[in-house]
Amino acid sequence: MARILITSGPTRQYLDPVRYITNASSGRMGACLVAAAIERGHDVVVVSGPVDVRYDTRATVHRVTTTDEMLSVVRRQFAECDGLVGVAAPCDYRPLRVEDHKIAKTGQPLVLHLVETPDIVATMGSEKGDRWVVGFALETEDHRFRAITKLQKKSCDLIVLNEPQAMDSATNQVEVLDGLGNVVLACSGSKEDVAARLFELFESRLIH
């Protein structure tokens, strides 16, 4: 049995007290991976952005809002885990300035200055030591090339490639690539079925 950290859902980066940047991640794939891991006897810690899905009650769940908050909690929890599955879709950018009051309409274009947020999987990959890290890549073009580039840049052991259609969907279609660029698993179906197949693979290659 392993102690596994799973990140899930989106993050939010606020522009003002009521408006924020986010994405369409629903947390469904994360919830299915949590359930699959627990059903296989693993101890699961979840770090989740704001989602409506419910996680298996046997998991320990930490809820966060921003990407920086997610990184902070992940870093603390990963210290006590054997591996990380980074399925969350944290915002890649945040506003340079967050307004104290609701931004009022002026009739003029609103210019936003955005800066990059920390890359959670890359940070944990650089700190993993003898632990393992699985990343997820959602790409719209040059799918495998971009996924392999991410795997190498983020020091992942495996990377799961999926497409934008998976967001907020009940189904998924994935390819899993290893460090040599080999497709070690390709499967599709309900997210529950895909999660079960993924954990079969993780156990055979990573969990000992």
N, C-alpha and C. Protein backbone atom coordinates (compact mmCIF):
# COMPACT_ATOMS: atom_id res chain seq x y z
N MET A 1 0.85 -1.20 0.00
CA MET A 1 0.00 0.00 0.00
C MET A 1 0.87 1.24 0.00
N ALA A 2 0.49 2.23 -0.78
CA ALA A 2 1.23 3.49 -0.86
C ALA A 2 0.39 4.63 -0.31
N ARG A 3 1.07 5.68 0.10
CA ARG A 3 0.39 6.93 0.46
C ARG A 3 0.55 7.86 -0.73
N ILE A 4 -0.57 8.20 -1.36
CA ILE A 4 -0.55 8.89 -2.64
C ILE A 4 -1.22 10.26 -2.52
N LEU A 5 -0.54 11.26 -3.04
CA LEU A 5 -1.08 12.62 -3.09
C LEU A 5 -1.67 12.86 -4.47
N ILE A 6 -2.92 13.29 -4.53
CA ILE A 6 -3.59 13.58 -5.80
C ILE A 6 -4.07 15.03 -5.78
N THR A 7 -3.64 15.81 -6.76
CA THR A 7 -4.18 17.16 -6.91
C THR A 7 -5.34 17.11 -7.89
N SER A 8 -6.33 17.96 -7.70
CA SER A 8 -7.55 17.85 -8.49
C SER A 8 -8.23 19.20 -8.64
N GLY A 9 -8.95 19.35 -9.74
CA GLY A 9 -9.76 20.54 -9.96
C GLY A 9 -8.97 21.73 -10.46
N PRO A 10 -9.65 22.87 -10.64
CA PRO A 10 -9.01 24.09 -11.08
C PRO A 10 -8.54 24.92 -9.88
N THR A 11 -7.88 26.01 -10.16
CA THR A 11 -7.68 27.04 -9.14
C THR A 11 -8.32 28.33 -9.65
N ARG A 12 -8.41 29.30 -8.77
CA ARG A 12 -8.97 30.60 -9.13
C ARG A 12 -7.96 31.69 -8.79
N GLN A 13 -7.83 32.64 -9.68
CA GLN A 13 -6.97 33.79 -9.44
C GLN A 13 -7.84 35.04 -9.54
N TYR A 14 -8.03 35.70 -8.42
CA TYR A 14 -8.98 36.82 -8.36
C TYR A 14 -8.41 38.09 -8.99
N LEU A 15 -9.32 38.80 -9.70
CA LEU A 15 -9.01 40.12 -10.25
C LEU A 15 -9.42 41.21 -9.26
N ASP A 16 -10.52 40.97 -8.58
CA ASP A 16 -11.06 41.87 -7.56
C ASP A 16 -11.87 41.00 -6.61
N PRO A 17 -12.59 41.55 -5.65
CA PRO A 17 -13.27 40.68 -4.67
C PRO A 17 -14.31 39.73 -5.24
N VAL A 18 -14.79 39.95 -6.47
CA VAL A 18 -15.87 39.10 -7.00
C VAL A 18 -15.54 38.43 -8.32
N ARG A 19 -14.50 38.84 -9.01
CA ARG A 19 -14.18 38.28 -10.33
C ARG A 19 -12.86 37.52 -10.26
N TYR A 20 -12.79 36.44 -11.05
CA TYR A 20 -11.56 35.65 -11.04
C TYR A 20 -11.35 34.97 -12.39
N ILE A 21 -10.10 34.54 -12.63
CA ILE A 21 -9.72 33.73 -13.78
C ILE A 21 -9.72 32.28 -13.33
N THR A 22 -10.26 31.41 -14.18
CA THR A 22 -10.21 29.98 -13.87
C THR A 22 -10.29 29.19 -15.18
N ASN A 23 -10.63 27.92 -15.11
CA ASN A 23 -10.80 27.11 -16.31
C ASN A 23 -11.92 26.11 -16.08
N ALA A 24 -12.17 25.27 -17.07
CA ALA A 24 -13.36 24.40 -17.04
C ALA A 24 -13.15 23.08 -16.32
N SER A 25 -12.03 22.90 -15.65
CA SER A 25 -11.80 21.65 -14.93
C SER A 25 -12.88 21.43 -13.88
N SER A 26 -13.46 20.22 -13.87
CA SER A 26 -14.56 19.91 -12.96
C SER A 26 -14.12 19.13 -11.73
N GLY A 27 -12.91 18.53 -11.78
CA GLY A 27 -12.47 17.65 -10.70
C GLY A 27 -12.95 16.22 -10.84
N ARG A 28 -13.70 15.91 -11.90
CA ARG A 28 -14.23 14.55 -12.05
C ARG A 28 -13.13 13.50 -12.20
N MET A 29 -12.13 13.81 -13.03
CA MET A 29 -11.05 12.83 -13.22
C MET A 29 -10.29 12.64 -11.92
N GLY A 30 -10.08 13.72 -11.20
CA GLY A 30 -9.41 13.61 -9.91
C GLY A 30 -10.19 12.76 -8.94
N ALA A 31 -11.50 12.98 -8.87
CA ALA A 31 -12.34 12.20 -7.96
C ALA A 31 -12.32 10.73 -8.33
N CYS A 32 -12.32 10.43 -9.62
CA CYS A 32 -12.28 9.03 -10.05
C CYS A 32 -10.94 8.38 -9.72
N LEU A 33 -9.86 9.13 -9.85
CA LEU A 33 -8.55 8.60 -9.48
C LEU A 33 -8.46 8.36 -7.98
N VAL A 34 -9.03 9.26 -7.20
CA VAL A 34 -9.06 9.07 -5.75
C VAL A 34 -9.79 7.78 -5.40
N ALA A 35 -10.97 7.59 -5.99
CA ALA A 35 -11.75 6.38 -5.71
C ALA A 35 -11.01 5.12 -6.15
N ALA A 36 -10.38 5.18 -7.33
CA ALA A 36 -9.65 4.01 -7.84
C ALA A 36 -8.49 3.65 -6.92
N ALA A 37 -7.77 4.65 -6.44
CA ALA A 37 -6.64 4.39 -5.56
C ALA A 37 -7.09 3.78 -4.24
N ILE A 38 -8.17 4.30 -3.68
CA ILE A 38 -8.68 3.79 -2.40
C ILE A 38 -9.20 2.36 -2.56
N GLU A 39 -9.88 2.09 -3.66
CA GLU A 39 -10.40 0.75 -3.89
C GLU A 39 -9.27 -0.28 -4.01
N ARG A 40 -8.09 0.19 -4.40
CA ARG A 40 -6.94 -0.71 -4.54
C ARG A 40 -6.11 -0.76 -3.26
N GLY A 41 -6.63 -0.13 -2.19
CA GLY A 41 -6.00 -0.26 -0.89
C GLY A 41 -5.01 0.81 -0.51
N HIS A 42 -4.92 1.88 -1.30
CA HIS A 42 -3.95 2.93 -1.01
C HIS A 42 -4.52 4.00 -0.08
N ASP A 43 -3.64 4.68 0.60
CA ASP A 43 -4.00 5.81 1.46
C ASP A 43 -3.88 7.07 0.59
N VAL A 44 -4.93 7.86 0.53
CA VAL A 44 -4.97 8.97 -0.42
C VAL A 44 -5.16 10.31 0.28
N VAL A 45 -4.33 11.26 -0.12
CA VAL A 45 -4.45 12.65 0.31
C VAL A 45 -4.79 13.48 -0.94
N VAL A 46 -5.81 14.31 -0.84
CA VAL A 46 -6.26 15.12 -1.97
C VAL A 46 -6.03 16.59 -1.67
N VAL A 47 -5.48 17.32 -2.64
CA VAL A 47 -5.44 18.77 -2.57
C VAL A 47 -6.28 19.27 -3.74
N SER A 48 -7.41 19.88 -3.42
CA SER A 48 -8.41 20.20 -4.44
C SER A 48 -8.71 21.69 -4.50
N GLY A 49 -8.81 22.19 -5.72
CA GLY A 49 -9.35 23.51 -5.94
C GLY A 49 -10.87 23.47 -5.81
N PRO A 50 -11.55 24.60 -6.09
CA PRO A 50 -13.02 24.67 -5.92
C PRO A 50 -13.74 23.79 -6.95
N VAL A 51 -14.44 22.77 -6.47
CA VAL A 51 -15.19 21.85 -7.34
C VAL A 51 -16.52 21.49 -6.68
N ASP A 52 -17.45 20.99 -7.50
CA ASP A 52 -18.73 20.51 -6.99
C ASP A 52 -18.72 19.00 -6.74
N VAL A 53 -17.76 18.29 -7.32
CA VAL A 53 -17.72 16.84 -7.15
C VAL A 53 -17.38 16.49 -5.71
N ARG A 54 -17.79 15.29 -5.31
CA ARG A 54 -17.48 14.80 -3.97
C ARG A 54 -16.38 13.76 -4.05
N TYR A 55 -15.44 13.85 -3.14
CA TYR A 55 -14.36 12.88 -3.08
C TYR A 55 -14.73 11.77 -2.10
N ASP A 56 -14.18 10.59 -2.35
CA ASP A 56 -14.38 9.45 -1.46
C ASP A 56 -14.10 9.90 -0.02
N THR A 57 -15.02 9.59 0.87
CA THR A 57 -14.90 10.05 2.25
C THR A 57 -13.72 9.42 2.99
N ARG A 58 -13.13 8.38 2.42
CA ARG A 58 -11.97 7.75 3.06
C ARG A 58 -10.68 8.51 2.76
N ALA A 59 -10.73 9.46 1.85
CA ALA A 59 -9.55 10.27 1.54
C ALA A 59 -9.46 11.46 2.50
N THR A 60 -8.25 11.93 2.71
CA THR A 60 -8.03 13.18 3.44
C THR A 60 -7.99 14.31 2.42
N VAL A 61 -8.90 15.26 2.55
CA VAL A 61 -9.05 16.30 1.53
C VAL A 61 -8.66 17.66 2.09
N HIS A 62 -7.79 18.35 1.37
CA HIS A 62 -7.40 19.72 1.69
C HIS A 62 -7.90 20.61 0.55
N ARG A 63 -8.68 21.62 0.89
CA ARG A 63 -9.27 22.48 -0.15
C ARG A 63 -8.54 23.82 -0.20
N VAL A 64 -8.26 24.26 -1.42
CA VAL A 64 -7.53 25.50 -1.65
C VAL A 64 -8.24 26.30 -2.74
N THR A 65 -7.80 27.52 -2.93
CA THR A 65 -8.40 28.36 -3.98
C THR A 65 -7.40 28.72 -5.07
N THR A 66 -6.28 29.30 -4.69
CA THR A 66 -5.31 29.79 -5.67
C THR A 66 -4.21 28.77 -5.95
N THR A 67 -3.47 29.03 -7.02
CA THR A 67 -2.35 28.16 -7.36
C THR A 67 -1.27 28.20 -6.30
N ASP A 68 -0.97 29.37 -5.77
CA ASP A 68 0.04 29.46 -4.71
C ASP A 68 -0.38 28.69 -3.48
N GLU A 69 -1.68 28.74 -3.13
CA GLU A 69 -2.17 27.96 -2.00
C GLU A 69 -2.03 26.47 -2.27
N MET A 70 -2.35 26.06 -3.49
CA MET A 70 -2.24 24.64 -3.83
C MET A 70 -0.79 24.18 -3.71
N LEU A 71 0.14 24.96 -4.22
CA LEU A 71 1.55 24.60 -4.12
C LEU A 71 1.99 24.48 -2.67
N SER A 72 1.58 25.42 -1.84
CA SER A 72 1.99 25.40 -0.43
C SER A 72 1.51 24.13 0.27
N VAL A 73 0.24 23.77 0.05
CA VAL A 73 -0.31 22.57 0.70
C VAL A 73 0.30 21.31 0.10
N VAL A 74 0.47 21.27 -1.21
CA VAL A 74 1.07 20.10 -1.86
C VAL A 74 2.48 19.87 -1.34
N ARG A 75 3.25 20.93 -1.21
CA ARG A 75 4.63 20.78 -0.74
C ARG A 75 4.65 20.17 0.67
N ARG A 76 3.75 20.62 1.55
CA ARG A 76 3.71 20.07 2.91
C ARG A 76 3.28 18.61 2.89
N GLN A 77 2.26 18.28 2.11
CA GLN A 77 1.72 16.93 2.12
C GLN A 77 2.62 15.93 1.40
N PHE A 78 3.30 16.39 0.35
CA PHE A 78 4.14 15.48 -0.44
C PHE A 78 5.29 14.94 0.40
N ALA A 79 5.69 15.69 1.41
CA ALA A 79 6.78 15.25 2.27
C ALA A 79 6.46 13.93 2.96
N GLU A 80 5.17 13.60 3.10
CA GLU A 80 4.76 12.38 3.79
C GLU A 80 4.13 11.36 2.86
N CYS A 81 4.32 11.54 1.54
CA CYS A 81 3.71 10.65 0.56
C CYS A 81 4.76 9.92 -0.27
N ASP A 82 4.32 8.83 -0.90
CA ASP A 82 5.21 8.04 -1.76
C ASP A 82 5.21 8.53 -3.19
N GLY A 83 4.13 9.17 -3.61
CA GLY A 83 4.05 9.62 -4.99
C GLY A 83 2.96 10.65 -5.16
N LEU A 84 3.00 11.33 -6.29
CA LEU A 84 2.06 12.40 -6.62
C LEU A 84 1.44 12.14 -7.97
N VAL A 85 0.11 12.27 -8.06
CA VAL A 85 -0.61 12.28 -9.33
C VAL A 85 -1.16 13.69 -9.50
N GLY A 86 -0.58 14.44 -10.41
CA GLY A 86 -0.96 15.84 -10.59
C GLY A 86 -1.98 16.01 -11.69
N VAL A 87 -3.23 15.73 -11.35
CA VAL A 87 -4.30 15.83 -12.34
C VAL A 87 -5.01 17.18 -12.28
N ALA A 88 -4.70 18.01 -11.29
CA ALA A 88 -5.33 19.33 -11.19
C ALA A 88 -4.97 20.19 -12.40
N ALA A 89 -5.80 21.21 -12.64
CA ALA A 89 -5.55 22.17 -13.72
C ALA A 89 -5.42 23.56 -13.11
N PRO A 90 -4.32 23.81 -12.40
CA PRO A 90 -4.15 25.13 -11.78
C PRO A 90 -3.98 26.22 -12.82
N CYS A 91 -4.44 27.41 -12.50
CA CYS A 91 -4.27 28.55 -13.40
C CYS A 91 -2.79 28.80 -13.64
N ASP A 92 -2.43 29.02 -14.89
CA ASP A 92 -1.04 29.28 -15.24
C ASP A 92 -0.65 30.74 -15.03
N TYR A 93 -1.65 31.61 -14.91
CA TYR A 93 -1.38 33.04 -14.76
C TYR A 93 -2.23 33.62 -13.63
N ARG A 94 -1.72 34.70 -13.05
CA ARG A 94 -2.47 35.46 -12.05
C ARG A 94 -2.31 36.94 -12.37
N PRO A 95 -3.28 37.76 -11.95
CA PRO A 95 -3.14 39.20 -12.17
C PRO A 95 -1.95 39.76 -11.38
N LEU A 96 -1.23 40.66 -11.99
CA LEU A 96 -0.13 41.32 -11.30
C LEU A 96 -0.65 42.11 -10.10
N ARG A 97 -1.86 42.64 -10.25
CA ARG A 97 -2.48 43.42 -9.18
C ARG A 97 -3.91 42.93 -8.96
N VAL A 98 -4.28 42.71 -7.71
CA VAL A 98 -5.66 42.37 -7.36
C VAL A 98 -6.29 43.61 -6.73
N GLU A 99 -7.38 44.08 -7.33
CA GLU A 99 -8.02 45.31 -6.85
C GLU A 99 -8.76 45.05 -5.53
N ASP A 100 -8.75 46.04 -4.66
CA ASP A 100 -9.44 45.93 -3.37
C ASP A 100 -10.96 46.03 -3.53
N HIS A 101 -11.41 46.72 -4.57
CA HIS A 101 -12.83 46.93 -4.78
C HIS A 101 -13.22 46.40 -6.16
N LYS A 102 -14.50 46.11 -6.34
CA LYS A 102 -15.00 45.63 -7.62
C LYS A 102 -14.64 46.63 -8.72
N ILE A 103 -14.07 46.09 -9.80
CA ILE A 103 -13.68 46.95 -10.92
C ILE A 103 -14.93 47.46 -11.62
N ALA A 104 -15.06 48.76 -11.70
CA ALA A 104 -16.26 49.37 -12.29
C ALA A 104 -16.11 49.49 -13.81
N LYS A 105 -17.23 49.38 -14.50
CA LYS A 105 -17.23 49.60 -15.95
C LYS A 105 -16.96 51.07 -16.25
N THR A 106 -16.17 51.32 -17.28
CA THR A 106 -15.86 52.70 -17.67
C THR A 106 -16.20 52.99 -19.12
N GLY A 107 -16.61 51.95 -19.86
CA GLY A 107 -16.84 52.12 -21.29
C GLY A 107 -15.57 51.97 -22.11
N GLN A 108 -14.44 51.75 -21.44
CA GLN A 108 -13.15 51.60 -22.11
C GLN A 108 -12.64 50.16 -21.94
N PRO A 109 -11.74 49.72 -22.84
CA PRO A 109 -11.16 48.38 -22.68
C PRO A 109 -10.43 48.26 -21.34
N LEU A 110 -10.50 47.09 -20.76
CA LEU A 110 -9.81 46.82 -19.51
C LEU A 110 -8.55 46.02 -19.83
N VAL A 111 -7.42 46.53 -19.44
CA VAL A 111 -6.14 45.88 -19.69
C VAL A 111 -5.71 45.13 -18.43
N LEU A 112 -5.46 43.84 -18.58
CA LEU A 112 -5.00 43.03 -17.47
C LEU A 112 -3.53 42.69 -17.66
N HIS A 113 -2.75 42.86 -16.62
CA HIS A 113 -1.35 42.46 -16.64
C HIS A 113 -1.24 41.17 -15.83
N LEU A 114 -0.84 40.09 -16.52
CA LEU A 114 -0.79 38.78 -15.90
C LEU A 114 0.65 38.29 -15.78
N VAL A 115 0.93 37.57 -14.72
CA VAL A 115 2.24 36.95 -14.54
C VAL A 115 2.03 35.45 -14.31
N GLU A 116 3.05 34.67 -14.62
CA GLU A 116 2.94 33.22 -14.46
C GLU A 116 2.87 32.82 -12.99
N THR A 117 2.09 31.79 -12.73
CA THR A 117 2.05 31.18 -11.40
C THR A 117 3.09 30.07 -11.33
N PRO A 118 3.43 29.59 -10.14
CA PRO A 118 4.39 28.48 -10.03
C PRO A 118 3.82 27.21 -10.67
N ASP A 119 4.70 26.39 -11.23
CA ASP A 119 4.31 25.10 -11.80
C ASP A 119 4.42 24.05 -10.69
N ILE A 120 3.27 23.57 -10.24
CA ILE A 120 3.25 22.68 -9.07
C ILE A 120 3.93 21.35 -9.36
N VAL A 121 3.59 20.72 -10.48
CA VAL A 121 4.18 19.41 -10.79
C VAL A 121 5.68 19.55 -11.02
N ALA A 122 6.12 20.59 -11.72
CA ALA A 122 7.55 20.78 -11.95
C ALA A 122 8.29 21.00 -10.64
N THR A 123 7.69 21.78 -9.73
CA THR A 123 8.32 22.02 -8.44
C THR A 123 8.47 20.73 -7.65
N MET A 124 7.40 19.93 -7.62
CA MET A 124 7.47 18.67 -6.89
C MET A 124 8.40 17.67 -7.59
N GLY A 125 8.43 17.71 -8.91
CA GLY A 125 9.34 16.84 -9.65
C GLY A 125 10.79 17.13 -9.30
N SER A 126 11.11 18.40 -9.14
CA SER A 126 12.49 18.77 -8.81
C SER A 126 12.85 18.41 -7.38
N GLU A 127 11.85 18.17 -6.54
CA GLU A 127 12.09 17.87 -5.13
C GLU A 127 11.75 16.42 -4.76
N LYS A 128 11.45 15.60 -5.75
CA LYS A 128 10.85 14.29 -5.44
C LYS A 128 11.79 13.29 -4.79
N GLY A 129 13.10 13.40 -5.04
CA GLY A 129 14.01 12.41 -4.46
C GLY A 129 13.70 11.02 -4.97
N ASP A 130 13.44 10.08 -4.04
CA ASP A 130 13.14 8.70 -4.46
C ASP A 130 11.64 8.45 -4.61
N ARG A 131 10.85 9.51 -4.58
CA ARG A 131 9.41 9.37 -4.81
C ARG A 131 9.11 9.47 -6.31
N TRP A 132 7.87 9.19 -6.69
CA TRP A 132 7.50 9.25 -8.10
C TRP A 132 6.45 10.34 -8.34
N VAL A 133 6.41 10.83 -9.57
CA VAL A 133 5.48 11.89 -9.96
C VAL A 133 4.87 11.55 -11.31
N VAL A 134 3.54 11.62 -11.36
CA VAL A 134 2.80 11.47 -12.61
C VAL A 134 2.15 12.80 -12.94
N GLY A 135 2.41 13.31 -14.13
CA GLY A 135 1.79 14.55 -14.57
C GLY A 135 0.69 14.29 -15.58
N PHE A 136 -0.13 15.30 -15.79
CA PHE A 136 -1.15 15.27 -16.83
C PHE A 136 -0.88 16.42 -17.79
N ALA A 137 -1.10 16.17 -19.07
CA ALA A 137 -0.91 17.21 -20.09
C ALA A 137 -2.17 17.29 -20.93
N LEU A 138 -2.73 18.48 -21.02
CA LEU A 138 -3.89 18.72 -21.87
C LEU A 138 -3.41 19.63 -23.00
N GLU A 139 -3.42 19.11 -24.22
CA GLU A 139 -2.86 19.84 -25.35
C GLU A 139 -3.87 19.95 -26.49
N THR A 140 -3.72 21.00 -27.29
CA THR A 140 -4.59 21.20 -28.45
C THR A 140 -3.85 20.98 -29.76
N GLU A 141 -2.52 20.88 -29.73
CA GLU A 141 -1.74 20.61 -30.94
C GLU A 141 -0.41 20.00 -30.54
N ASP A 142 0.24 19.31 -31.51
CA ASP A 142 1.52 18.64 -31.26
C ASP A 142 1.47 17.86 -29.95
N HIS A 143 0.41 17.05 -29.81
CA HIS A 143 0.07 16.45 -28.52
C HIS A 143 1.23 15.69 -27.88
N ARG A 144 1.77 14.70 -28.57
CA ARG A 144 2.80 13.87 -27.94
C ARG A 144 4.09 14.63 -27.73
N PHE A 145 4.47 15.45 -28.69
CA PHE A 145 5.70 16.22 -28.54
C PHE A 145 5.63 17.12 -27.32
N ARG A 146 4.51 17.83 -27.17
CA ARG A 146 4.37 18.74 -26.04
C ARG A 146 4.30 17.97 -24.72
N ALA A 147 3.65 16.80 -24.74
CA ALA A 147 3.56 16.00 -23.52
C ALA A 147 4.94 15.51 -23.09
N ILE A 148 5.74 15.02 -24.04
CA ILE A 148 7.08 14.54 -23.70
C ILE A 148 7.95 15.69 -23.20
N THR A 149 7.81 16.85 -23.83
CA THR A 149 8.56 18.02 -23.37
C THR A 149 8.21 18.34 -21.93
N LYS A 150 6.91 18.29 -21.60
CA LYS A 150 6.49 18.56 -20.23
C LYS A 150 7.02 17.50 -19.28
N LEU A 151 6.95 16.23 -19.68
CA LEU A 151 7.43 15.14 -18.83
C LEU A 151 8.89 15.37 -18.45
N GLN A 152 9.71 15.71 -19.44
CA GLN A 152 11.13 15.91 -19.18
C GLN A 152 11.38 17.17 -18.36
N LYS A 153 10.70 18.26 -18.70
CA LYS A 153 10.90 19.53 -18.00
C LYS A 153 10.47 19.44 -16.55
N LYS A 154 9.42 18.64 -16.28
CA LYS A 154 8.86 18.56 -14.93
C LYS A 154 9.37 17.36 -14.13
N SER A 155 10.31 16.60 -14.72
CA SER A 155 10.90 15.44 -14.04
C SER A 155 9.85 14.41 -13.64
N CYS A 156 8.86 14.20 -14.52
CA CYS A 156 7.82 13.20 -14.25
C CYS A 156 8.32 11.81 -14.60
N ASP A 157 7.76 10.81 -13.95
CA ASP A 157 8.04 9.42 -14.30
C ASP A 157 7.14 8.95 -15.43
N LEU A 158 5.91 9.43 -15.43
CA LEU A 158 4.95 9.17 -16.51
C LEU A 158 4.16 10.46 -16.73
N ILE A 159 3.60 10.60 -17.93
CA ILE A 159 2.68 11.71 -18.17
C ILE A 159 1.46 11.20 -18.90
N VAL A 160 0.30 11.67 -18.47
CA VAL A 160 -0.98 11.25 -19.05
C VAL A 160 -1.45 12.36 -19.98
N LEU A 161 -1.60 12.02 -21.24
CA LEU A 161 -2.01 12.98 -22.25
C LEU A 161 -3.51 12.87 -22.50
N ASN A 162 -4.23 13.97 -22.33
CA ASN A 162 -5.64 13.99 -22.71
C ASN A 162 -5.94 15.30 -23.44
N GLU A 163 -7.19 15.45 -23.93
CA GLU A 163 -7.53 16.57 -24.77
C GLU A 163 -8.60 17.44 -24.10
N PRO A 164 -8.82 18.67 -24.60
CA PRO A 164 -9.77 19.58 -23.95
C PRO A 164 -11.18 19.04 -23.79
N GLN A 165 -11.58 18.10 -24.67
CA GLN A 165 -12.92 17.54 -24.56
C GLN A 165 -13.14 16.82 -23.24
N ALA A 166 -12.05 16.47 -22.56
CA ALA A 166 -12.18 15.76 -21.28
C ALA A 166 -12.68 16.66 -20.17
N MET A 167 -12.49 17.96 -20.32
CA MET A 167 -12.89 18.87 -19.25
C MET A 167 -14.40 18.88 -19.07
N ASP A 168 -14.83 18.71 -17.84
CA ASP A 168 -16.25 18.72 -17.47
C ASP A 168 -17.04 17.67 -18.24
N SER A 169 -16.38 16.56 -18.59
CA SER A 169 -17.02 15.47 -19.31
C SER A 169 -17.03 14.22 -18.43
N ALA A 170 -17.96 13.32 -18.70
CA ALA A 170 -18.02 12.06 -17.95
C ALA A 170 -17.07 11.01 -18.52
N THR A 171 -16.50 11.28 -19.70
CA THR A 171 -15.61 10.32 -20.35
C THR A 171 -14.24 10.94 -20.60
N ASN A 172 -13.29 10.08 -20.91
CA ASN A 172 -11.94 10.56 -21.20
C ASN A 172 -11.26 9.59 -22.15
N GLN A 173 -10.30 10.11 -22.88
CA GLN A 173 -9.46 9.30 -23.77
C GLN A 173 -8.03 9.72 -23.51
N VAL A 174 -7.19 8.78 -23.10
CA VAL A 174 -5.83 9.13 -22.67
C VAL A 174 -4.78 8.25 -23.33
N GLU A 175 -3.58 8.79 -23.39
CA GLU A 175 -2.37 8.04 -23.68
C GLU A 175 -1.39 8.33 -22.55
N VAL A 176 -0.69 7.31 -22.11
CA VAL A 176 0.32 7.50 -21.08
C VAL A 176 1.69 7.27 -21.72
N LEU A 177 2.58 8.24 -21.53
CA LEU A 177 3.90 8.19 -22.12
C LEU A 177 4.96 8.05 -21.04
N ASP A 178 6.01 7.28 -21.35
CA ASP A 178 7.12 7.18 -20.42
C ASP A 178 8.24 8.13 -20.84
N GLY A 179 9.35 8.10 -20.14
CA GLY A 179 10.42 9.05 -20.38
C GLY A 179 11.08 8.92 -21.73
N LEU A 180 10.90 7.78 -22.40
CA LEU A 180 11.47 7.58 -23.73
C LEU A 180 10.49 7.96 -24.84
N GLY A 181 9.31 8.41 -24.44
CA GLY A 181 8.30 8.77 -25.43
C GLY A 181 7.44 7.62 -25.88
N ASN A 182 7.58 6.48 -25.22
CA ASN A 182 6.77 5.31 -25.58
C ASN A 182 5.37 5.44 -25.00
N VAL A 183 4.37 5.03 -25.79
CA VAL A 183 3.00 4.98 -25.29
C VAL A 183 2.85 3.66 -24.54
N VAL A 184 2.74 3.73 -23.23
CA VAL A 184 2.67 2.52 -22.42
C VAL A 184 1.24 2.14 -22.09
N LEU A 185 0.29 3.04 -22.36
CA LEU A 185 -1.13 2.74 -22.19
C LEU A 185 -1.93 3.70 -23.03
N ALA A 186 -2.94 3.18 -23.72
CA ALA A 186 -3.92 4.01 -24.42
C ALA A 186 -5.29 3.43 -24.10
N CYS A 187 -6.18 4.25 -23.58
CA CYS A 187 -7.51 3.75 -23.25
C CYS A 187 -8.52 4.88 -23.27
N SER A 188 -9.78 4.50 -23.36
CA SER A 188 -10.86 5.48 -23.36
C SER A 188 -12.08 4.85 -22.69
N GLY A 189 -13.02 5.70 -22.31
CA GLY A 189 -14.24 5.22 -21.67
C GLY A 189 -14.67 6.18 -20.59
N SER A 190 -15.48 5.69 -19.67
CA SER A 190 -15.88 6.54 -18.55
C SER A 190 -14.65 6.90 -17.74
N LYS A 191 -14.72 8.02 -17.05
CA LYS A 191 -13.57 8.42 -16.24
C LYS A 191 -13.29 7.41 -15.13
N GLU A 192 -14.33 6.73 -14.64
CA GLU A 192 -14.12 5.68 -13.64
C GLU A 192 -13.28 4.55 -14.22
N ASP A 193 -13.62 4.12 -15.44
CA ASP A 193 -12.88 3.03 -16.08
C ASP A 193 -11.45 3.44 -16.41
N VAL A 194 -11.29 4.65 -16.91
CA VAL A 194 -9.95 5.14 -17.24
C VAL A 194 -9.09 5.24 -15.98
N ALA A 195 -9.68 5.73 -14.89
CA ALA A 195 -8.93 5.84 -13.64
C ALA A 195 -8.46 4.47 -13.15
N ALA A 196 -9.31 3.46 -13.28
CA ALA A 196 -8.94 2.11 -12.86
C ALA A 196 -7.77 1.58 -13.71
N ARG A 197 -7.82 1.83 -15.01
CA ARG A 197 -6.74 1.39 -15.90
C ARG A 197 -5.44 2.12 -15.57
N LEU A 198 -5.56 3.40 -15.27
CA LEU A 198 -4.35 4.17 -14.93
C LEU A 198 -3.70 3.63 -13.66
N PHE A 199 -4.50 3.31 -12.66
CA PHE A 199 -3.89 2.82 -11.43
C PHE A 199 -3.32 1.42 -11.58
N GLU A 200 -3.87 0.63 -12.46
CA GLU A 200 -3.23 -0.65 -12.78
C GLU A 200 -1.82 -0.42 -13.31
N LEU A 201 -1.70 0.57 -14.19
CA LEU A 201 -0.40 0.91 -14.76
C LEU A 201 0.55 1.48 -13.71
N PHE A 202 0.04 2.40 -12.90
CA PHE A 202 0.89 3.01 -11.87
C PHE A 202 1.44 1.94 -10.92
N GLU A 203 0.59 1.00 -10.57
CA GLU A 203 1.04 -0.06 -9.66
C GLU A 203 2.11 -0.94 -10.31
N SER A 204 1.97 -1.22 -11.59
CA SER A 204 2.92 -2.11 -12.25
C SER A 204 4.26 -1.43 -12.49
N ARG A 205 4.28 -0.10 -12.61
CA ARG A 205 5.52 0.60 -12.98
C ARG A 205 6.13 1.45 -11.86
N LEU A 206 5.30 1.90 -10.92
CA LEU A 206 5.78 2.89 -9.96
C LEU A 206 5.65 2.48 -8.50
N ILE A 207 4.59 1.76 -8.16
CA ILE A 207 4.28 1.47 -6.76
C ILE A 207 4.79 0.08 -6.40
N HIS A 208 5.66 0.02 -5.45
CA HIS A 208 6.29 -1.26 -5.10
C HIS A 208 6.07 -1.59 -3.62
